C-alpha atoms as a PDB file:
ATOM      1  CA  UNK A   1      -0.076  -0.110  -0.116  1.00  0.00           C
ATOM      2  CA  UNK A   2       1.316   3.493  -0.860  1.00  0.00           C
ATOM      3  CA  UNK A   3       0.761   6.702   1.104  1.00  0.00           C
ATOM      4  CA  UNK A   4      -1.649   8.744   0.238  1.00  0.00           C
ATOM      5  CA  UNK A   5      -1.370  12.699   0.792  1.00  0.00           C
ATOM      6  CA  UNK A   6      -3.511  15.585   0.170  1.00  0.00           C
ATOM      7  CA  UNK A   7      -1.686  18.376  -1.782  1.00  0.00           C
ATOM      8  CA  UNK A   8      -1.510  21.544  -0.086  1.00  0.00           C
ATOM      9  CA  UNK A   9      -2.510  24.503  -2.286  1.00  0.00           C
ATOM     10  CA  UNK A  10       0.336  26.251  -3.952  1.00  0.00           C
ATOM     11  CA  UNK A  11       1.365  27.715  -7.236  1.00  0.00           C
ATOM     12  CA  UNK A  12       4.458  25.241  -6.917  1.00  0.00           C
ATOM     13  CA  UNK A  13       2.214  22.543  -5.925  1.00  0.00           C
ATOM     14  CA  UNK A  14      -0.193  23.268  -9.271  1.00  0.00           C
ATOM     15  CA  UNK A  15       2.721  23.379 -11.251  1.00  0.00           C
ATOM     16  CA  UNK A  16       3.967  20.140 -10.058  1.00  0.00           C
ATOM     17  CA  UNK A  17       0.885  17.946 -10.369  1.00  0.00           C
ATOM     18  CA  UNK A  18      -0.085  19.581 -13.833  1.00  0.00           C
ATOM     19  CA  UNK A  19       3.384  17.882 -15.039  1.00  0.00           C
ATOM     20  CA  UNK A  20       2.381  14.707 -13.844  1.00  0.00           C
ATOM     21  CA  UNK A  21      -0.789  14.199 -15.549  1.00  0.00           C
ATOM     22  CA  UNK A  22       0.748  16.200 -18.505  1.00  0.00           C
ATOM     23  CA  UNK A  23       3.482  13.095 -18.820  1.00  0.00           C
ATOM     24  CA  UNK A  24       1.160  10.732 -18.169  1.00  0.00           C
ATOM     25  CA  UNK A  25      -1.402  11.637 -20.500  1.00  0.00           C
ATOM     26  CA  UNK A  26       0.845  12.782 -23.668  1.00  0.00           C
ATOM     27  CA  UNK A  27       0.226  10.284 -25.341  1.00  0.00           C
ATOM     28  CA  UNK A  28      -3.816   9.367 -24.982  1.00  0.00           C
ATOM     29  CA  UNK A  29      -5.222   9.966 -28.226  1.00  0.00           C
ATOM     30  CA  UNK A  30      -7.444  12.828 -27.188  1.00  0.00           C
ATOM     31  CA  UNK A  31      -4.060  14.440 -25.957  1.00  0.00           C
ATOM     32  CA  UNK A  32      -3.152  14.034 -29.742  1.00  0.00           C
ATOM     33  CA  UNK A  33      -6.274  14.929 -30.841  1.00  0.00           C
ATOM     34  CA  UNK A  34      -5.887  18.437 -28.954  1.00  0.00           C
ATOM     35  CA  UNK A  35      -2.331  18.943 -29.985  1.00  0.00           C
ATOM     36  CA  UNK A  36      -0.826  16.736 -32.704  1.00  0.00           C
ATOM     37  CA  UNK A  37       2.808  18.353 -32.485  1.00  0.00           C
ATOM     38  CA  UNK A  38       4.485  16.109 -30.056  1.00  0.00           C
ATOM     39  CA  UNK A  39       6.845  19.273 -29.126  1.00  0.00           C
ATOM     40  CA  UNK A  40       4.118  21.687 -28.992  1.00  0.00           C
ATOM     41  CA  UNK A  41       2.082  19.154 -26.873  1.00  0.00           C
ATOM     42  CA  UNK A  42       5.036  18.711 -24.568  1.00  0.00           C
ATOM     43  CA  UNK A  43       4.938  22.846 -23.875  1.00  0.00           C
ATOM     44  CA  UNK A  44       0.856  23.843 -23.844  1.00  0.00           C
ATOM     45  CA  UNK A  45      -0.437  20.515 -21.830  1.00  0.00           C
ATOM     46  CA  UNK A  46       1.762  21.209 -18.210  1.00  0.00           C
ATOM     47  CA  UNK A  47       0.162  24.440 -17.948  1.00  0.00           C
ATOM     48  CA  UNK A  48      -3.351  23.379 -18.750  1.00  0.00           C
ATOM     49  CA  UNK A  49      -3.656  20.773 -16.653  1.00  0.00           C
ATOM     50  CA  UNK A  50      -1.918  23.165 -13.980  1.00  0.00           C
ATOM     51  CA  UNK A  51      -5.169  25.283 -14.243  1.00  0.00           C
ATOM     52  CA  UNK A  52      -7.570  23.035 -13.605  1.00  0.00           C
ATOM     53  CA  UNK A  53      -5.377  21.641 -11.086  1.00  0.00           C
ATOM     54  CA  UNK A  54      -5.286  25.083  -9.298  1.00  0.00           C
ATOM     55  CA  UNK A  55      -9.212  25.468  -9.570  1.00  0.00           C
ATOM     56  CA  UNK A  56      -9.636  22.000  -7.574  1.00  0.00           C
ATOM     57  CA  UNK A  57      -7.687  23.386  -4.803  1.00  0.00           C
ATOM     58  CA  UNK A  58     -10.769  25.854  -4.503  1.00  0.00           C
ATOM     59  CA  UNK A  59     -13.203  24.094  -5.635  1.00  0.00           C
ATOM     60  CA  UNK A  60     -12.452  20.385  -4.824  1.00  0.00           C
ATOM     61  CA  UNK A  61      -9.337  18.139  -3.456  1.00  0.00           C
ATOM     62  CA  UNK A  62      -5.757  16.854  -5.228  1.00  0.00           C
ATOM     63  CA  UNK A  63      -4.201  13.535  -4.105  1.00  0.00           C
ATOM     64  CA  UNK A  64      -1.367  12.176  -4.276  1.00  0.00           C
ATOM     65  CA  UNK A  65       0.903   8.909  -3.696  1.00  0.00           C
ATOM     66  CA  UNK A  66       3.735  10.366  -1.332  1.00  0.00           C
ATOM     67  CA  UNK A  67       6.476  10.017  -4.339  1.00  0.00           C
ATOM     68  CA  UNK A  68       4.181  11.929  -6.282  1.00  0.00           C
ATOM     69  CA  UNK A  69       4.153   9.393  -9.098  1.00  0.00           C
ATOM     70  CA  UNK A  70       0.468   9.285  -9.271  1.00  0.00           C
ATOM     71  CA  UNK A  71      -2.189  11.710  -8.377  1.00  0.00           C
ATOM     72  CA  UNK A  72      -6.162  12.348  -8.170  1.00  0.00           C
ATOM     73  CA  UNK A  73      -8.023  15.701  -9.279  1.00  0.00           C
ATOM     74  CA  UNK A  74     -11.221  15.694  -7.411  1.00  0.00           C
ATOM     75  CA  UNK A  75     -13.681  18.316  -8.094  1.00  0.00           C
ATOM     76  CA  UNK A  76     -16.983  18.687  -5.426  1.00  0.00           C
ATOM     77  CA  UNK A  77     -20.196  19.313  -7.533  1.00  0.00           C
ATOM     78  CA  UNK A  78     -22.559  18.711  -4.664  1.00  0.00           C
ATOM     79  CA  UNK A  79     -23.785  21.411  -3.269  1.00  0.00           C
ATOM     80  CA  UNK A  80     -23.672  24.082  -6.782  1.00  0.00           C
ATOM     81  CA  UNK A  81     -21.838  23.435  -9.967  1.00  0.00           C
ATOM     82  CA  UNK A  82     -18.160  24.337 -10.326  1.00  0.00           C
ATOM     83  CA  UNK A  83     -17.906  27.376 -11.940  1.00  0.00           C
ATOM     84  CA  UNK A  84     -15.693  27.509 -15.049  1.00  0.00           C
ATOM     85  CA  UNK A  85     -11.850  28.837 -14.720  1.00  0.00           C
ATOM     86  CA  UNK A  86     -11.841  32.581 -14.735  1.00  0.00           C
ATOM     87  CA  UNK A  87     -10.739  33.634 -18.292  1.00  0.00           C
ATOM     88  CA  UNK A  88     -10.176  30.253 -19.774  1.00  0.00           C
ATOM     89  CA  UNK A  89     -10.436  31.036 -23.610  1.00  0.00           C
ATOM     90  CA  UNK A  90      -8.268  33.864 -23.605  1.00  0.00           C
ATOM     91  CA  UNK A  91      -6.261  31.856 -21.580  1.00  0.00           C
ATOM     92  CA  UNK A  92      -6.019  28.958 -23.772  1.00  0.00           C
ATOM     93  CA  UNK A  93      -5.612  30.991 -26.994  1.00  0.00           C
ATOM     94  CA  UNK A  94      -2.056  32.555 -25.187  1.00  0.00           C
ATOM     95  CA  UNK A  95      -1.100  29.170 -24.014  1.00  0.00           C
ATOM     96  CA  UNK A  96      -2.466  27.141 -26.954  1.00  0.00           C
ATOM     97  CA  UNK A  97      -2.215  29.617 -29.992  1.00  0.00           C
ATOM     98  CA  UNK A  98      -3.990  27.558 -33.040  1.00  0.00           C
ATOM     99  CA  UNK A  99      -5.055  24.656 -30.520  1.00  0.00           C
ATOM    100  CA  UNK A 100      -7.270  26.482 -28.254  1.00  0.00           C
ATOM    101  CA  UNK A 101     -10.123  25.884 -30.551  1.00  0.00           C
ATOM    102  CA  UNK A 102      -9.751  21.840 -30.113  1.00  0.00           C
ATOM    103  CA  UNK A 103      -9.860  22.523 -25.894  1.00  0.00           C
ATOM    104  CA  UNK A 104     -13.039  24.852 -26.054  1.00  0.00           C
ATOM    105  CA  UNK A 105     -14.487  21.740 -28.345  1.00  0.00           C
ATOM    106  CA  UNK A 106     -13.659  19.481 -25.563  1.00  0.00           C
ATOM    107  CA  UNK A 107     -15.018  21.867 -22.747  1.00  0.00           C
ATOM    108  CA  UNK A 108     -18.203  22.402 -24.741  1.00  0.00           C
ATOM    109  CA  UNK A 109     -18.530  18.232 -25.382  1.00  0.00           C
ATOM    110  CA  UNK A 110     -17.736  18.094 -21.607  1.00  0.00           C
ATOM    111  CA  UNK A 111     -19.947  20.401 -20.066  1.00  0.00           C
ATOM    112  CA  UNK A 112     -23.163  19.073 -22.293  1.00  0.00           C
ATOM    113  CA  UNK A 113     -22.694  15.438 -20.899  1.00  0.00           C
ATOM    114  CA  UNK A 114     -22.261  16.578 -17.520  1.00  0.00           C
ATOM    115  CA  UNK A 115     -24.808  15.311 -14.744  1.00  0.00           C
ATOM    116  CA  UNK A 116     -26.801  17.830 -12.665  1.00  0.00           C
ATOM    117  CA  UNK A 117     -27.259  15.552  -9.787  1.00  0.00           C
ATOM    118  CA  UNK A 118     -24.875  16.073  -6.476  1.00  0.00           C
ATOM    119  CA  UNK A 119     -21.685  14.326  -7.191  1.00  0.00           C
ATOM    120  CA  UNK A 120     -18.059  14.715  -6.782  1.00  0.00           C
ATOM    121  CA  UNK A 121     -16.305  14.641 -10.408  1.00  0.00           C
ATOM    122  CA  UNK A 122     -12.790  13.065 -10.837  1.00  0.00           C
ATOM    123  CA  UNK A 123     -11.320  15.461 -13.839  1.00  0.00           C
ATOM    124  CA  UNK A 124      -7.862  13.938 -13.522  1.00  0.00           C
ATOM    125  CA  UNK A 125      -6.690  10.393 -12.599  1.00  0.00           C
ATOM    126  CA  UNK A 126      -2.938  10.177 -13.343  1.00  0.00           C
ATOM    127  CA  UNK A 127      -0.028   7.854 -12.659  1.00  0.00           C
ATOM    128  CA  UNK A 128       3.710   8.379 -14.088  1.00  0.00           C
ATOM    129  CA  UNK A 129       4.169   6.156 -17.183  1.00  0.00           C
ATOM    130  CA  UNK A 130       6.722   4.284 -15.663  1.00  0.00           C
ATOM    131  CA  UNK A 131       4.359   3.248 -12.691  1.00  0.00           C
ATOM    132  CA  UNK A 132       1.713   1.898 -14.493  1.00  0.00           C
ATOM    133  CA  UNK A 133       0.315  -1.072 -14.072  1.00  0.00           C
ATOM    134  CA  UNK A 134       1.145  -1.135 -10.329  1.00  0.00           C
ATOM    135  CA  UNK A 135      -1.726  -0.407  -8.746  1.00  0.00           C
ATOM    136  CA  UNK A 136      -1.391   3.030  -7.971  1.00  0.00           C
ATOM    137  CA  UNK A 137      -4.206   4.465  -9.219  1.00  0.00           C
ATOM    138  CA  UNK A 138      -6.663   1.619  -7.853  1.00  0.00           C
ATOM    139  CA  UNK A 139      -5.552   2.967  -4.509  1.00  0.00           C
ATOM    140  CA  UNK A 140      -6.115   6.664  -5.164  1.00  0.00           C
ATOM    141  CA  UNK A 141      -9.642   6.182  -6.353  1.00  0.00           C
ATOM    142  CA  UNK A 142     -10.581   3.252  -3.611  1.00  0.00           C
ATOM    143  CA  UNK A 143      -9.267   5.733  -1.197  1.00  0.00           C
ATOM    144  CA  UNK A 144     -11.297   8.940  -2.140  1.00  0.00           C
ATOM    145  CA  UNK A 145     -14.662   6.321  -2.728  1.00  0.00           C
ATOM    146  CA  UNK A 146     -14.398   5.280   1.177  1.00  0.00           C
ATOM    147  CA  UNK A 147     -14.726   8.843   2.126  1.00  0.00           C
ATOM    148  CA  UNK A 148     -17.983   9.149  -0.926  1.00  0.00           C
ATOM    149  CA  UNK A 149     -19.317   6.140   0.635  1.00  0.00           C
ATOM    150  CA  UNK A 150     -19.294   7.612   3.851  1.00  0.00           C
ATOM    151  CA  UNK A 151     -21.345  10.990   2.849  1.00  0.00           C
ATOM    152  CA  UNK A 152     -23.292   8.852   0.353  1.00  0.00           C
ATOM    153  CA  UNK A 153     -21.912  10.510  -2.406  1.00  0.00           C
ATOM    154  CA  UNK A 154     -21.843   9.356  -6.323  1.00  0.00           C
ATOM    155  CA  UNK A 155     -18.951   9.913  -8.566  1.00  0.00           C
ATOM    156  CA  UNK A 156     -18.808  11.083 -12.223  1.00  0.00           C
ATOM    157  CA  UNK A 157     -16.026  11.235 -14.977  1.00  0.00           C
ATOM    158  CA  UNK A 158     -15.443  11.008 -18.071  1.00  0.00           C
ATOM    159  CA  UNK A 159     -12.779   7.951 -18.777  1.00  0.00           C
ATOM    160  CA  UNK A 160     -10.463   8.953 -22.025  1.00  0.00           C
ATOM    161  CA  UNK A 161     -10.141   5.693 -23.609  1.00  0.00           C
ATOM    162  CA  UNK A 162     -11.617   2.506 -23.786  1.00  0.00           C
ATOM    163  CA  UNK A 163      -8.665   0.785 -21.509  1.00  0.00           C
ATOM    164  CA  UNK A 164      -9.765   3.370 -18.848  1.00  0.00           C
ATOM    165  CA  UNK A 165     -13.121   3.085 -19.121  1.00  0.00           C
ATOM    166  CA  UNK A 166     -12.376  -0.993 -18.281  1.00  0.00           C
ATOM    167  CA  UNK A 167     -10.554   0.070 -15.075  1.00  0.00           C
ATOM    168  CA  UNK A 168     -13.201   2.376 -14.165  1.00  0.00           C
ATOM    169  CA  UNK A 169     -15.673  -0.327 -14.459  1.00  0.00           C
ATOM    170  CA  UNK A 170     -13.789  -2.477 -12.312  1.00  0.00           C
ATOM    171  CA  UNK A 171     -14.032   0.619  -9.133  1.00  0.00           C
ATOM    172  CA  UNK A 172     -17.880   0.432  -9.906  1.00  0.00           C
ATOM    173  CA  UNK A 173     -18.793   2.884 -12.148  1.00  0.00           C
ATOM    174  CA  UNK A 174     -21.130   2.315 -15.224  1.00  0.00           C
ATOM    175  CA  UNK A 175     -21.834   3.983 -18.646  1.00  0.00           C
ATOM    176  CA  UNK A 176     -23.674   7.027 -18.277  1.00  0.00           C
ATOM    177  CA  UNK A 177     -25.558   7.627 -21.705  1.00  0.00           C
ATOM    178  CA  UNK A 178     -23.987   7.670 -25.020  1.00  0.00           C
ATOM    179  CA  UNK A 179     -19.718   8.140 -25.632  1.00  0.00           C
ATOM    180  CA  UNK A 180     -19.021  11.820 -25.734  1.00  0.00           C
ATOM    181  CA  UNK A 181     -17.912  12.013 -29.353  1.00  0.00           C
ATOM    182  CA  UNK A 182     -15.158  14.705 -30.570  1.00  0.00           C
ATOM    183  CA  UNK A 183     -15.127  16.012 -33.852  1.00  0.00           C
ATOM    184  CA  UNK A 184     -12.461  13.979 -35.952  1.00  0.00           C
ATOM    185  CA  UNK A 185     -11.467  12.510 -31.939  1.00  0.00           C
ATOM    186  CA  UNK A 186     -11.550   9.716 -30.085  1.00  0.00           C
ATOM    187  CA  UNK A 187     -14.489   8.623 -27.876  1.00  0.00           C
ATOM    188  CA  UNK A 188     -14.893   9.348 -24.221  1.00  0.00           C
ATOM    189  CA  UNK A 189     -17.102   7.996 -21.999  1.00  0.00           C
ATOM    190  CA  UNK A 190     -18.689   9.862 -19.153  1.00  0.00           C
ATOM    191  CA  UNK A 191     -19.127   7.348 -15.936  1.00  0.00           C
ATOM    192  CA  UNK A 192     -21.322   7.430 -12.842  1.00  0.00           C
ATOM    193  CA  UNK A 193     -20.409   5.774  -9.494  1.00  0.00           C
ATOM    194  CA  UNK A 194     -23.589   5.238  -6.933  1.00  0.00           C
ATOM    195  CA  UNK A 195     -22.262   5.657  -3.654  1.00  0.00           C
ATOM    196  CA  UNK A 196     -21.712   1.647  -2.107  1.00  0.00           C
ATOM    197  CA  UNK A 197     -24.640   1.171   0.165  1.00  0.00           C
END
């Protein structure tokens, strides 16, 4: 069992967690769709994810293994919907240039599918490539699922690939409606986990 820690809010922590997510997600089909050139993707994704981590420090919780090889970013969508990141459109235009449009399309598609019932939203579960397949992601989600079950709270996420969809099926999630289809891009899979009784 790995030690799980809660990340304390800071801009440095947001950058660190954003970089872990970016490295873990670099080769995903959806990442390739968002920013096809490899070198540009390496530049754009870390600060993009850091923005969302910083947002989660205010509207959720961020956890990691103590060795910082795996992270989970949760948003609290129980009492009210999560507000949008301020000025995200202009910020992404500066950050991603001609690729900003695809980030906007992804955001719109995700917003359209997002459920309105109270829940916690797993924005990102990321494990560094050299540590994948060792159960770290399972430990992170199981730890938070225990908290959600104690509170009687459901969970929601979008699985980014068929492989990750299978992972979440094993953790009590089920498909929620049709896959999210990006124009010319890969499908993503909205999934819902009711609290264990």
